[in-house]
Amino acid sequence: MEDCLISLKSASSEADIVTVIQNALESENLAESPESSAYWKLLEIFAFETLSYYRSVEAQLPKLNEKQTEKLKHLTLVSLASDAKVIPYNVLMKELEFSTEQQVEDMVIATIYKNLLSAKLDQQRQLIEIEYVIGRDVRRSDLQKIRNMLSEWSTVCEQALADISSNIEISNSQAASRKTEERSFTMALQELRTSHAVAFASGKGADRASRNDSQFSSSEYRNEEMRTGGGFE
């Protein structure tokens, strides 16, 4: 544990601190040592748990100073934001041990500035709307649960893709059928127009012949034909 504390003090960035804590959590010696087990449990709380959990086992662990408590409140807010996209003020006041709404808003704003989450404050409805939140560390015991969740999610995605592909095929088939019907209709319409044009042209010729026959069959034409002996000079 002493080596861990020295490493934490010499860490120059939050990434270095995270690395030190992760290494400490993976150390079986720290977990099994009577002298350091309480600190190891405290590290677990900062990695995985919330302020309310710390309060439930506080008697068995080292006391937190003001800065450490504030850090745990930030992490608690991150956990709450991971579980719900909308969080009422009264829930935050209880979980973060605040007595005023202003304290809640200040904590949310401070957490946003630390890039731990992105959220909107709705003072009228007394709630915050989460847009983005970082992920916290995961216990090894939760890895199988996460694998199962990812597997289920993958199955749902595959089914969704299959449904989309099926709908695309149906749409393409319907579009092809419509094009075929349009071509057939266009051809039929053209044939109909052609036949009407031919019929119209034939009708005009027959009409002219009919008019000529009618003219040559008139009484005047017959009388003139008889007078001239059967024909015109």
Foldseek 3Di string as FASTA:
>chain_A
DVVLVVQCVPDDDVVSNVVSLVVLLPDPCQCPDPVRVQVSVVSVCLQPHAPVVCVVCVVSHDDDDPVRLLSRLLVNVLVVCVVDQKAAQVVSCVRSVHDDSVVVVVSVVVSVVVVQFDWAQDVVRRMIGTDGGDDGDDDPVCPVVVVVVVVVVVVVVVVVVVVVVVVVVVVVVVVVVVVVVVVVVVVVVVVVVVVVVVVVVVVVVVVVVVVVVVVCPDPVNVVVCVVVVRDDD
